[in-house]
């Protein structure tokens, strides 16, 4: 699911504004998302990523062999992460997942320590995007991030566990199952290609 460019800009702005001002209370940033596995039978396309710290270290080694600048930035983020967990489903028709499926994830993010920093909902086309952060109350460092992106025929949940540099987060787009949000690496703006696509739809 492609997130509209105005929403992308809003997410980038609010993330940067909020990442240093959210308290945490020693909660575990790892979400339980296995309840979504049942959707695999209904989906036409499934992305399921489960990478713990040891697997991420291995992934980082493979990235080190690539001289690509984007991979170098991604490697800098990955080396400090404790886990990357992604469930993404694409369906051929609407109604294949329920609000209860999403609420099972959202209820975990209502626990102390998590704060929703972005919430965008469109009644017109049913596109929803939510971003949550958990930070350390003493150091203000980000301990975890969660993204819920949904529309009538798509559902994606991303959970990153460990210290995260929000300004460099775009380097992980399209890698390890993390969906592309179209953010420029430096300024958090949609890429030229996505922006052009958005303009064509106007």
N, C-alpha and C. Protein backbone atom coordinates (compact mmCIF):
# COMPACT_ATOMS: atom_id res chain seq x y z
N UNK A 1 0.84 -1.20 0.00
CA UNK A 1 0.00 0.00 0.00
C UNK A 1 0.87 1.24 0.00
N UNK A 2 0.63 2.14 -0.93
CA UNK A 2 1.38 3.39 -1.00
C UNK A 2 0.69 4.45 -0.14
N UNK A 3 1.45 5.03 0.77
CA UNK A 3 0.90 6.07 1.62
C UNK A 3 0.97 7.40 0.87
N UNK A 4 -0.14 8.16 0.80
CA UNK A 4 -0.15 9.41 0.05
C UNK A 4 0.95 10.36 0.50
N UNK A 5 1.49 11.14 -0.45
CA UNK A 5 2.61 12.03 -0.17
C UNK A 5 2.33 13.01 0.97
N UNK A 6 1.13 13.64 1.06
CA UNK A 6 0.88 14.55 2.18
C UNK A 6 0.96 13.85 3.52
N UNK A 7 0.51 12.59 3.56
CA UNK A 7 0.59 11.82 4.80
C UNK A 7 2.04 11.51 5.14
N UNK A 8 2.84 11.20 4.11
CA UNK A 8 4.26 10.93 4.32
C UNK A 8 4.94 12.13 4.96
N UNK A 9 4.65 13.32 4.41
CA UNK A 9 5.27 14.54 4.95
C UNK A 9 4.84 14.77 6.39
N UNK A 10 3.57 14.49 6.68
CA UNK A 10 3.07 14.68 8.04
C UNK A 10 3.75 13.72 9.01
N UNK A 11 3.88 12.46 8.58
CA UNK A 11 4.55 11.46 9.43
C UNK A 11 5.98 11.88 9.73
N UNK A 12 6.71 12.28 8.68
CA UNK A 12 8.12 12.67 8.86
C UNK A 12 8.25 13.84 9.82
N UNK A 13 7.39 14.85 9.65
CA UNK A 13 7.46 16.04 10.49
C UNK A 13 7.16 15.73 11.94
N UNK A 14 6.09 14.97 12.16
CA UNK A 14 5.69 14.68 13.54
C UNK A 14 6.66 13.74 14.22
N UNK A 15 7.23 12.79 13.49
CA UNK A 15 8.22 11.90 14.08
C UNK A 15 9.42 12.69 14.60
N UNK A 16 9.92 13.59 13.77
CA UNK A 16 11.09 14.37 14.15
C UNK A 16 10.78 15.30 15.32
N UNK A 17 9.55 15.79 15.38
CA UNK A 17 9.17 16.72 16.44
C UNK A 17 8.95 16.01 17.77
N UNK A 18 8.49 14.75 17.69
CA UNK A 18 8.06 14.07 18.91
C UNK A 18 9.09 13.09 19.47
N UNK A 19 10.07 12.70 18.69
CA UNK A 19 10.93 11.59 19.11
C UNK A 19 11.73 11.89 20.36
N UNK A 20 11.91 13.15 20.72
CA UNK A 20 12.72 13.47 21.91
C UNK A 20 11.88 13.91 23.10
N UNK A 21 10.59 13.67 23.06
CA UNK A 21 9.77 14.20 24.14
C UNK A 21 8.76 13.20 24.68
N UNK A 22 9.00 11.90 24.49
CA UNK A 22 8.03 10.91 24.91
C UNK A 22 8.62 10.02 26.00
N UNK A 23 8.00 9.93 27.16
CA UNK A 23 8.51 9.10 28.25
C UNK A 23 8.22 7.62 28.02
N UNK A 24 9.03 6.76 28.61
CA UNK A 24 8.79 5.32 28.58
C UNK A 24 8.87 4.78 30.00
N UNK A 25 8.35 3.59 30.22
CA UNK A 25 8.25 3.07 31.56
C UNK A 25 8.78 1.63 31.63
N UNK A 26 9.86 1.37 30.92
CA UNK A 26 10.49 0.06 30.99
C UNK A 26 9.71 -1.04 30.31
N UNK A 27 8.82 -0.71 29.40
CA UNK A 27 8.03 -1.71 28.71
C UNK A 27 8.84 -2.34 27.59
N UNK A 28 8.40 -3.53 27.20
CA UNK A 28 9.06 -4.25 26.11
C UNK A 28 8.50 -3.74 24.78
N UNK A 29 9.35 -3.21 23.91
CA UNK A 29 8.87 -2.69 22.62
C UNK A 29 8.52 -3.77 21.61
N UNK A 30 8.74 -5.02 21.94
CA UNK A 30 8.40 -6.14 21.04
C UNK A 30 6.89 -6.39 21.10
N UNK A 31 6.25 -6.33 19.96
CA UNK A 31 4.82 -6.59 19.88
C UNK A 31 4.56 -8.06 19.55
N UNK A 32 3.41 -8.54 19.97
CA UNK A 32 2.97 -9.88 19.62
C UNK A 32 2.03 -9.76 18.42
N UNK A 33 2.49 -10.20 17.26
CA UNK A 33 1.70 -10.02 16.03
C UNK A 33 1.38 -11.36 15.35
N UNK A 34 1.58 -12.45 16.06
CA UNK A 34 1.31 -13.76 15.48
C UNK A 34 -0.18 -13.99 15.25
N UNK A 35 -1.02 -13.20 15.92
CA UNK A 35 -2.46 -13.36 15.70
C UNK A 35 -2.85 -13.09 14.24
N UNK A 36 -1.96 -12.40 13.52
CA UNK A 36 -2.25 -12.08 12.12
C UNK A 36 -1.92 -13.24 11.16
N UNK A 37 -1.26 -14.27 11.66
CA UNK A 37 -0.85 -15.37 10.79
C UNK A 37 -2.04 -16.02 10.08
N UNK A 38 -3.20 -16.02 10.73
CA UNK A 38 -4.38 -16.66 10.15
C UNK A 38 -4.82 -15.99 8.85
N UNK A 39 -4.37 -14.75 8.63
CA UNK A 39 -4.76 -14.02 7.41
C UNK A 39 -4.01 -14.51 6.18
N UNK A 40 -2.94 -15.26 6.40
CA UNK A 40 -2.12 -15.72 5.28
C UNK A 40 -2.93 -16.55 4.28
N UNK A 41 -3.89 -17.33 4.78
CA UNK A 41 -4.68 -18.18 3.91
C UNK A 41 -5.59 -17.38 2.98
N UNK A 42 -5.95 -16.16 3.41
CA UNK A 42 -6.85 -15.34 2.62
C UNK A 42 -6.11 -14.40 1.68
N UNK A 43 -4.83 -14.15 1.95
CA UNK A 43 -4.08 -13.13 1.22
C UNK A 43 -3.52 -13.67 -0.10
N UNK A 44 -3.47 -12.80 -1.08
CA UNK A 44 -2.86 -13.15 -2.36
C UNK A 44 -1.34 -12.94 -2.32
N UNK A 45 -0.90 -12.09 -1.42
CA UNK A 45 0.54 -11.84 -1.25
C UNK A 45 0.84 -11.61 0.23
N UNK A 46 1.89 -12.25 0.73
CA UNK A 46 2.23 -12.17 2.15
C UNK A 46 3.71 -11.87 2.32
N UNK A 47 4.02 -10.94 3.21
CA UNK A 47 5.40 -10.69 3.63
C UNK A 47 5.45 -10.95 5.13
N UNK A 48 6.31 -11.87 5.54
CA UNK A 48 6.42 -12.24 6.95
C UNK A 48 7.90 -12.23 7.32
N UNK A 49 8.29 -11.27 8.12
CA UNK A 49 9.70 -11.11 8.50
C UNK A 49 9.84 -11.22 10.01
N UNK A 50 10.73 -12.11 10.45
CA UNK A 50 11.05 -12.25 11.87
C UNK A 50 12.56 -12.32 11.99
N UNK A 51 13.17 -11.22 12.37
CA UNK A 51 14.63 -11.14 12.51
C UNK A 51 14.98 -10.72 13.92
N UNK A 52 15.59 -11.64 14.68
CA UNK A 52 16.04 -11.27 16.02
C UNK A 52 17.45 -10.67 15.93
N UNK A 53 18.05 -10.40 17.06
CA UNK A 53 19.34 -9.71 17.07
C UNK A 53 20.42 -10.49 16.33
N UNK A 54 20.46 -11.81 16.52
CA UNK A 54 21.50 -12.62 15.85
C UNK A 54 21.32 -12.61 14.34
N UNK A 55 20.07 -12.69 13.89
CA UNK A 55 19.81 -12.66 12.46
C UNK A 55 20.13 -11.30 11.86
N UNK A 56 19.89 -10.23 12.64
CA UNK A 56 20.20 -8.89 12.15
C UNK A 56 21.71 -8.69 12.01
N UNK A 57 22.47 -9.29 12.90
CA UNK A 57 23.93 -9.20 12.78
C UNK A 57 24.39 -9.88 11.50
N UNK A 58 23.76 -11.00 11.19
CA UNK A 58 24.10 -11.70 9.96
C UNK A 58 23.72 -10.87 8.74
N UNK A 59 22.54 -10.24 8.80
CA UNK A 59 22.09 -9.39 7.70
C UNK A 59 23.04 -8.21 7.52
N UNK A 60 23.53 -7.69 8.62
CA UNK A 60 24.46 -6.56 8.57
C UNK A 60 25.76 -6.95 7.87
N UNK A 61 26.20 -8.18 8.07
CA UNK A 61 27.42 -8.65 7.42
C UNK A 61 27.22 -8.72 5.90
N UNK A 62 26.06 -9.19 5.48
CA UNK A 62 25.78 -9.24 4.05
C UNK A 62 25.74 -7.84 3.46
N UNK A 63 25.15 -6.90 4.20
CA UNK A 63 25.10 -5.51 3.73
C UNK A 63 26.51 -4.93 3.61
N UNK A 64 27.41 -5.36 4.48
CA UNK A 64 28.77 -4.83 4.48
C UNK A 64 29.50 -5.18 3.18
N UNK A 65 29.07 -6.26 2.53
CA UNK A 65 29.70 -6.67 1.28
C UNK A 65 29.24 -5.83 0.10
N UNK A 66 28.16 -5.08 0.31
CA UNK A 66 27.62 -4.22 -0.74
C UNK A 66 28.11 -2.80 -0.53
N UNK A 67 28.64 -2.18 -1.56
CA UNK A 67 29.20 -0.83 -1.44
C UNK A 67 28.15 0.25 -1.68
N UNK A 68 26.91 -0.14 -1.86
CA UNK A 68 25.84 0.82 -2.10
C UNK A 68 25.68 1.75 -0.90
N UNK A 69 25.53 3.05 -1.16
CA UNK A 69 25.44 4.05 -0.10
C UNK A 69 24.20 3.82 0.77
N UNK A 70 23.08 3.46 0.14
CA UNK A 70 21.86 3.20 0.90
C UNK A 70 22.04 2.03 1.85
N UNK A 71 22.71 0.97 1.38
CA UNK A 71 22.94 -0.18 2.24
C UNK A 71 23.87 0.17 3.40
N UNK A 72 24.80 1.09 3.17
CA UNK A 72 25.70 1.51 4.23
C UNK A 72 24.92 2.20 5.35
N UNK A 73 23.97 3.05 4.98
CA UNK A 73 23.14 3.72 5.98
C UNK A 73 22.24 2.73 6.69
N UNK A 74 21.68 1.81 5.94
CA UNK A 74 20.81 0.78 6.53
C UNK A 74 21.61 -0.07 7.52
N UNK A 75 22.84 -0.38 7.16
CA UNK A 75 23.68 -1.19 8.03
C UNK A 75 23.95 -0.49 9.36
N UNK A 76 24.10 0.83 9.32
CA UNK A 76 24.33 1.59 10.55
C UNK A 76 23.13 1.51 11.49
N UNK A 77 21.93 1.44 10.91
CA UNK A 77 20.72 1.32 11.72
C UNK A 77 20.56 -0.11 12.24
N UNK A 78 20.74 -1.07 11.35
CA UNK A 78 20.52 -2.47 11.68
C UNK A 78 21.45 -2.96 12.78
N UNK A 79 22.68 -2.47 12.80
CA UNK A 79 23.66 -2.99 13.75
C UNK A 79 23.27 -2.72 15.20
N UNK A 80 22.38 -1.76 15.43
CA UNK A 80 21.96 -1.45 16.79
C UNK A 80 20.57 -1.99 17.13
N UNK A 81 19.86 -2.49 16.13
CA UNK A 81 18.52 -2.99 16.38
C UNK A 81 18.55 -4.35 17.07
N UNK A 82 17.50 -4.63 17.83
CA UNK A 82 17.35 -5.91 18.51
C UNK A 82 16.36 -6.83 17.79
N UNK A 83 15.56 -6.24 16.91
CA UNK A 83 14.60 -7.06 16.19
C UNK A 83 13.86 -6.29 15.12
N UNK A 84 13.50 -6.98 14.05
CA UNK A 84 12.66 -6.42 12.98
C UNK A 84 11.55 -7.44 12.71
N UNK A 85 10.31 -6.99 12.86
CA UNK A 85 9.17 -7.90 12.72
C UNK A 85 8.14 -7.24 11.80
N UNK A 86 7.78 -7.94 10.74
CA UNK A 86 6.86 -7.38 9.75
C UNK A 86 5.82 -8.42 9.36
N UNK A 87 4.57 -8.00 9.32
CA UNK A 87 3.49 -8.81 8.75
C UNK A 87 2.78 -7.91 7.74
N UNK A 88 2.75 -8.35 6.49
CA UNK A 88 2.10 -7.55 5.45
C UNK A 88 1.27 -8.46 4.56
N UNK A 89 0.02 -8.05 4.34
CA UNK A 89 -0.91 -8.87 3.56
C UNK A 89 -1.59 -8.04 2.48
N UNK A 90 -1.67 -8.60 1.29
CA UNK A 90 -2.42 -7.99 0.20
C UNK A 90 -3.54 -8.94 -0.19
N UNK A 91 -4.76 -8.43 -0.24
CA UNK A 91 -5.92 -9.27 -0.52
C UNK A 91 -6.52 -8.91 -1.87
N UNK A 92 -7.22 -9.86 -2.46
CA UNK A 92 -7.84 -9.62 -3.76
C UNK A 92 -9.17 -8.89 -3.64
N UNK A 93 -9.74 -8.89 -2.44
CA UNK A 93 -11.02 -8.20 -2.24
C UNK A 93 -11.08 -7.63 -0.83
N UNK A 94 -12.03 -6.76 -0.61
CA UNK A 94 -12.19 -6.13 0.70
C UNK A 94 -12.83 -7.11 1.70
N UNK A 95 -12.66 -6.79 2.97
CA UNK A 95 -13.32 -7.56 4.03
C UNK A 95 -12.63 -8.84 4.44
N UNK A 96 -11.38 -9.04 4.02
CA UNK A 96 -10.68 -10.28 4.36
C UNK A 96 -10.02 -10.22 5.74
N UNK A 97 -9.84 -9.04 6.28
CA UNK A 97 -9.39 -8.91 7.67
C UNK A 97 -10.40 -8.04 8.40
N UNK A 98 -10.43 -8.18 9.73
CA UNK A 98 -11.43 -7.49 10.52
C UNK A 98 -10.79 -6.39 11.38
N UNK A 99 -11.61 -5.51 11.89
CA UNK A 99 -11.14 -4.48 12.81
C UNK A 99 -10.58 -5.11 14.08
N UNK A 100 -11.13 -6.28 14.44
CA UNK A 100 -10.62 -6.99 15.62
C UNK A 100 -9.18 -7.43 15.43
N UNK A 101 -8.81 -7.78 14.20
CA UNK A 101 -7.43 -8.17 13.91
C UNK A 101 -6.48 -6.99 14.17
N UNK A 102 -6.88 -5.83 13.73
CA UNK A 102 -6.06 -4.63 13.92
C UNK A 102 -6.08 -4.21 15.39
N UNK A 103 -7.23 -4.31 16.02
CA UNK A 103 -7.35 -3.88 17.41
C UNK A 103 -6.49 -4.72 18.34
N UNK A 104 -6.25 -5.98 17.99
CA UNK A 104 -5.38 -6.83 18.80
C UNK A 104 -3.96 -6.28 18.86
N UNK A 105 -3.54 -5.61 17.78
CA UNK A 105 -2.23 -4.95 17.76
C UNK A 105 -2.31 -3.60 18.45
N UNK A 106 -3.34 -2.84 18.10
CA UNK A 106 -3.50 -1.49 18.64
C UNK A 106 -3.62 -1.49 20.16
N UNK A 107 -4.25 -2.51 20.72
CA UNK A 107 -4.43 -2.57 22.18
C UNK A 107 -3.09 -2.70 22.90
N UNK A 108 -2.13 -3.38 22.27
CA UNK A 108 -0.79 -3.48 22.87
C UNK A 108 -0.11 -2.12 22.89
N UNK A 109 -0.39 -1.31 21.90
CA UNK A 109 0.23 0.00 21.79
C UNK A 109 -0.44 1.03 22.69
N UNK A 110 -1.51 0.62 23.37
CA UNK A 110 -2.16 1.48 24.36
C UNK A 110 -1.53 1.32 25.73
N UNK A 111 -0.61 0.39 25.86
CA UNK A 111 0.06 0.14 27.14
C UNK A 111 1.02 1.28 27.48
N UNK A 112 1.31 1.48 28.77
CA UNK A 112 2.26 2.53 29.17
C UNK A 112 3.60 2.37 28.45
N UNK A 113 4.12 3.48 28.00
CA UNK A 113 5.42 3.47 27.31
C UNK A 113 5.29 3.75 25.83
N UNK A 114 4.17 3.35 25.24
CA UNK A 114 3.93 3.64 23.83
C UNK A 114 3.13 4.92 23.68
N UNK A 115 3.48 5.71 22.70
CA UNK A 115 2.73 6.93 22.39
C UNK A 115 2.50 7.01 20.89
N UNK A 116 1.27 7.25 20.51
CA UNK A 116 0.98 7.42 19.08
C UNK A 116 1.35 8.84 18.68
N UNK A 117 2.24 8.96 17.70
CA UNK A 117 2.69 10.28 17.25
C UNK A 117 2.08 10.68 15.92
N UNK A 118 1.52 9.70 15.21
CA UNK A 118 0.85 9.99 13.95
C UNK A 118 -0.40 9.11 13.85
N UNK A 119 -1.50 9.72 13.50
CA UNK A 119 -2.72 8.97 13.25
C UNK A 119 -3.49 9.61 12.11
N UNK A 120 -3.56 8.94 10.96
CA UNK A 120 -4.23 9.48 9.79
C UNK A 120 -5.28 8.48 9.32
N UNK A 121 -6.53 8.95 9.19
CA UNK A 121 -7.61 8.08 8.73
C UNK A 121 -8.41 8.79 7.66
N UNK A 122 -8.71 8.07 6.61
CA UNK A 122 -9.50 8.63 5.51
C UNK A 122 -10.79 7.83 5.37
N UNK A 123 -11.91 8.49 5.63
CA UNK A 123 -13.20 7.83 5.46
C UNK A 123 -13.53 7.63 3.98
N UNK A 124 -12.94 8.46 3.13
CA UNK A 124 -13.26 8.41 1.71
C UNK A 124 -12.77 7.12 1.06
N UNK A 125 -11.48 6.80 1.26
CA UNK A 125 -10.94 5.61 0.62
C UNK A 125 -10.48 4.54 1.61
N UNK A 126 -10.68 4.79 2.92
CA UNK A 126 -10.38 3.76 3.92
C UNK A 126 -8.92 3.58 4.25
N UNK A 127 -8.07 4.52 3.82
CA UNK A 127 -6.63 4.43 4.14
C UNK A 127 -6.37 4.90 5.56
N UNK A 128 -5.65 4.10 6.31
CA UNK A 128 -5.29 4.44 7.69
C UNK A 128 -3.78 4.26 7.88
N UNK A 129 -3.18 5.17 8.61
CA UNK A 129 -1.75 5.06 8.93
C UNK A 129 -1.53 5.54 10.36
N UNK A 130 -0.87 4.71 11.15
CA UNK A 130 -0.57 5.05 12.54
C UNK A 130 0.90 4.76 12.83
N UNK A 131 1.54 5.66 13.55
CA UNK A 131 2.93 5.47 13.94
C UNK A 131 3.05 5.67 15.45
N UNK A 132 3.70 4.73 16.10
CA UNK A 132 3.88 4.77 17.55
C UNK A 132 5.37 4.71 17.89
N UNK A 133 5.74 5.39 18.96
CA UNK A 133 7.12 5.37 19.44
C UNK A 133 7.17 5.02 20.92
N UNK A 134 8.23 4.32 21.30
CA UNK A 134 8.55 4.12 22.71
C UNK A 134 9.95 4.68 22.94
N UNK A 135 10.11 5.53 23.95
CA UNK A 135 11.43 6.11 24.23
C UNK A 135 11.81 5.89 25.69
N UNK A 136 13.11 5.97 25.94
CA UNK A 136 13.63 5.86 27.30
C UNK A 136 13.39 7.18 28.04
N UNK A 137 12.81 7.10 29.22
CA UNK A 137 12.45 8.32 29.95
C UNK A 137 13.67 9.10 30.42
N UNK A 138 14.82 8.44 30.53
CA UNK A 138 16.02 9.12 31.01
C UNK A 138 16.87 9.67 29.87
N UNK A 139 17.13 8.84 28.87
CA UNK A 139 18.02 9.26 27.79
C UNK A 139 17.28 9.86 26.60
N UNK A 140 15.95 9.68 26.56
CA UNK A 140 15.12 10.14 25.44
C UNK A 140 15.39 9.37 24.16
N UNK A 141 16.22 8.32 24.23
CA UNK A 141 16.48 7.51 23.05
C UNK A 141 15.24 6.68 22.71
N UNK A 142 15.04 6.46 21.43
CA UNK A 142 13.91 5.65 20.98
C UNK A 142 14.24 4.17 21.20
N UNK A 143 13.31 3.47 21.84
CA UNK A 143 13.49 2.05 22.14
C UNK A 143 12.75 1.15 21.15
N UNK A 144 11.76 1.69 20.50
CA UNK A 144 11.00 0.88 19.57
C UNK A 144 10.06 1.72 18.73
N UNK A 145 9.65 1.17 17.61
CA UNK A 145 8.74 1.87 16.70
C UNK A 145 7.75 0.86 16.14
N UNK A 146 6.53 1.32 15.96
CA UNK A 146 5.51 0.46 15.37
C UNK A 146 4.72 1.25 14.34
N UNK A 147 4.40 0.61 13.23
CA UNK A 147 3.61 1.22 12.17
C UNK A 147 2.46 0.29 11.82
N UNK A 148 1.26 0.83 11.77
CA UNK A 148 0.10 0.10 11.27
C UNK A 148 -0.39 0.85 10.04
N UNK A 149 -0.37 0.20 8.90
CA UNK A 149 -0.85 0.81 7.66
C UNK A 149 -1.92 -0.10 7.07
N UNK A 150 -3.10 0.44 6.83
CA UNK A 150 -4.20 -0.40 6.38
C UNK A 150 -5.08 0.34 5.38
N UNK A 151 -5.57 -0.41 4.42
CA UNK A 151 -6.63 0.06 3.54
C UNK A 151 -7.53 -1.15 3.30
N UNK A 152 -8.63 -1.02 2.60
CA UNK A 152 -9.57 -2.14 2.48
C UNK A 152 -8.98 -3.45 1.96
N UNK A 153 -7.89 -3.39 1.18
CA UNK A 153 -7.33 -4.60 0.60
C UNK A 153 -5.89 -4.86 1.01
N UNK A 154 -5.39 -4.10 1.99
CA UNK A 154 -4.01 -4.29 2.45
C UNK A 154 -3.92 -4.05 3.95
N UNK A 155 -3.02 -4.80 4.59
CA UNK A 155 -2.74 -4.60 6.01
C UNK A 155 -1.26 -4.86 6.25
N UNK A 156 -0.59 -3.88 6.84
CA UNK A 156 0.84 -4.02 7.15
C UNK A 156 1.10 -3.57 8.58
N UNK A 157 1.85 -4.38 9.31
CA UNK A 157 2.29 -4.03 10.66
C UNK A 157 3.81 -4.17 10.70
N UNK A 158 4.49 -3.12 11.12
CA UNK A 158 5.95 -3.12 11.25
C UNK A 158 6.31 -2.83 12.69
N UNK A 159 7.22 -3.62 13.25
CA UNK A 159 7.69 -3.42 14.62
C UNK A 159 9.21 -3.47 14.63
N UNK A 160 9.85 -2.34 14.92
CA UNK A 160 11.30 -2.27 15.06
C UNK A 160 11.63 -2.17 16.54
N UNK A 161 12.52 -3.02 17.00
CA UNK A 161 12.90 -3.06 18.41
C UNK A 161 14.36 -2.67 18.55
N UNK A 162 14.63 -1.66 19.38
CA UNK A 162 15.99 -1.20 19.59
C UNK A 162 16.14 0.27 19.26
N UNK A 163 17.32 0.83 19.49
CA UNK A 163 17.54 2.26 19.21
C UNK A 163 17.40 2.57 17.74
N UNK A 164 16.69 3.65 17.44
CA UNK A 164 16.41 4.02 16.05
C UNK A 164 16.68 5.50 15.85
N UNK A 165 17.40 5.82 14.79
CA UNK A 165 17.59 7.21 14.38
C UNK A 165 16.52 7.52 13.35
N UNK A 166 15.50 8.29 13.76
CA UNK A 166 14.37 8.57 12.88
C UNK A 166 14.81 9.23 11.58
N UNK A 167 15.82 10.09 11.65
CA UNK A 167 16.26 10.81 10.46
C UNK A 167 16.87 9.87 9.41
N UNK A 168 17.29 8.68 9.86
CA UNK A 168 17.91 7.73 8.94
C UNK A 168 16.99 6.56 8.62
N UNK A 169 15.77 6.61 9.15
CA UNK A 169 14.86 5.48 9.02
C UNK A 169 14.56 5.12 7.57
N UNK A 170 14.56 6.10 6.69
CA UNK A 170 14.23 5.85 5.28
C UNK A 170 15.21 4.89 4.62
N UNK A 171 16.40 4.73 5.20
CA UNK A 171 17.39 3.81 4.63
C UNK A 171 16.93 2.37 4.70
N UNK A 172 15.96 2.07 5.57
CA UNK A 172 15.46 0.70 5.71
C UNK A 172 14.26 0.42 4.80
N UNK A 173 13.76 1.45 4.12
CA UNK A 173 12.62 1.25 3.24
C UNK A 173 12.94 0.26 2.13
N UNK A 174 12.04 -0.70 1.95
CA UNK A 174 12.24 -1.68 0.89
C UNK A 174 13.20 -2.78 1.26
N UNK A 175 13.68 -2.79 2.50
CA UNK A 175 14.62 -3.82 2.96
C UNK A 175 13.98 -4.61 4.10
N UNK A 176 14.25 -5.90 4.14
CA UNK A 176 13.79 -6.78 5.22
C UNK A 176 12.28 -6.72 5.41
N UNK A 177 11.56 -6.49 4.33
CA UNK A 177 10.11 -6.50 4.40
C UNK A 177 9.48 -5.20 4.84
N UNK A 178 10.28 -4.21 5.16
CA UNK A 178 9.74 -2.91 5.58
C UNK A 178 9.23 -2.17 4.35
N UNK A 179 7.96 -1.75 4.36
CA UNK A 179 7.39 -1.11 3.16
C UNK A 179 8.01 0.24 2.87
N UNK A 180 7.93 0.63 1.61
CA UNK A 180 8.43 1.95 1.20
C UNK A 180 7.38 3.01 1.51
N UNK A 181 7.83 4.09 2.17
CA UNK A 181 6.94 5.20 2.46
C UNK A 181 7.28 6.41 1.61
N UNK A 182 8.36 6.30 0.80
CA UNK A 182 8.71 7.36 -0.13
C UNK A 182 9.39 8.55 0.51
N UNK A 183 10.15 8.32 1.60
CA UNK A 183 10.82 9.43 2.27
C UNK A 183 12.21 9.64 1.70
N UNK A 184 12.56 10.91 1.43
CA UNK A 184 13.94 11.23 1.08
C UNK A 184 14.80 11.01 2.30
N UNK A 185 16.02 10.61 2.09
CA UNK A 185 16.90 10.27 3.20
C UNK A 185 17.22 11.46 4.08
N UNK A 186 17.32 12.64 3.52
CA UNK A 186 17.79 13.77 4.30
C UNK A 186 16.68 14.63 4.86
N UNK A 187 15.61 14.83 4.12
CA UNK A 187 14.63 15.80 4.54
C UNK A 187 13.25 15.22 4.81
N UNK A 188 13.12 13.88 4.67
CA UNK A 188 11.85 13.26 4.99
C UNK A 188 10.75 13.63 4.02
N UNK A 189 11.12 14.01 2.78
CA UNK A 189 10.14 14.36 1.77
C UNK A 189 9.92 13.17 0.84
N UNK A 190 8.76 13.09 0.20
CA UNK A 190 8.54 11.99 -0.73
C UNK A 190 9.52 12.06 -1.89
N UNK A 191 9.88 10.88 -2.38
CA UNK A 191 10.81 10.85 -3.50
C UNK A 191 10.19 11.53 -4.71
N UNK A 192 11.02 11.93 -5.66
CA UNK A 192 10.55 12.62 -6.86
C UNK A 192 9.59 11.75 -7.63
N UNK A 193 9.88 10.45 -7.69
CA UNK A 193 9.02 9.53 -8.43
C UNK A 193 7.65 9.46 -7.79
N UNK A 194 7.61 9.33 -6.45
CA UNK A 194 6.32 9.22 -5.77
C UNK A 194 5.57 10.53 -5.85
N UNK A 195 6.29 11.64 -5.73
CA UNK A 195 5.64 12.95 -5.79
C UNK A 195 5.00 13.15 -7.15
N UNK A 196 5.72 12.72 -8.21
CA UNK A 196 5.18 12.85 -9.55
C UNK A 196 3.93 12.01 -9.71
N UNK A 197 3.97 10.80 -9.13
CA UNK A 197 2.82 9.91 -9.19
C UNK A 197 1.62 10.52 -8.49
N UNK A 198 1.91 11.17 -7.35
CA UNK A 198 0.84 11.80 -6.59
C UNK A 198 0.23 12.95 -7.36
N UNK A 199 1.07 13.73 -8.04
CA UNK A 199 0.58 14.87 -8.81
C UNK A 199 -0.28 14.42 -9.97
N UNK A 200 0.07 13.27 -10.57
CA UNK A 200 -0.68 12.78 -11.71
C UNK A 200 -2.11 12.38 -11.32
N UNK A 201 -2.28 12.01 -10.02
CA UNK A 201 -3.58 11.56 -9.55
C UNK A 201 -4.50 12.72 -9.22
N UNK A 202 -3.94 13.95 -9.13
CA UNK A 202 -4.75 15.10 -8.77
C UNK A 202 -5.74 15.44 -9.88
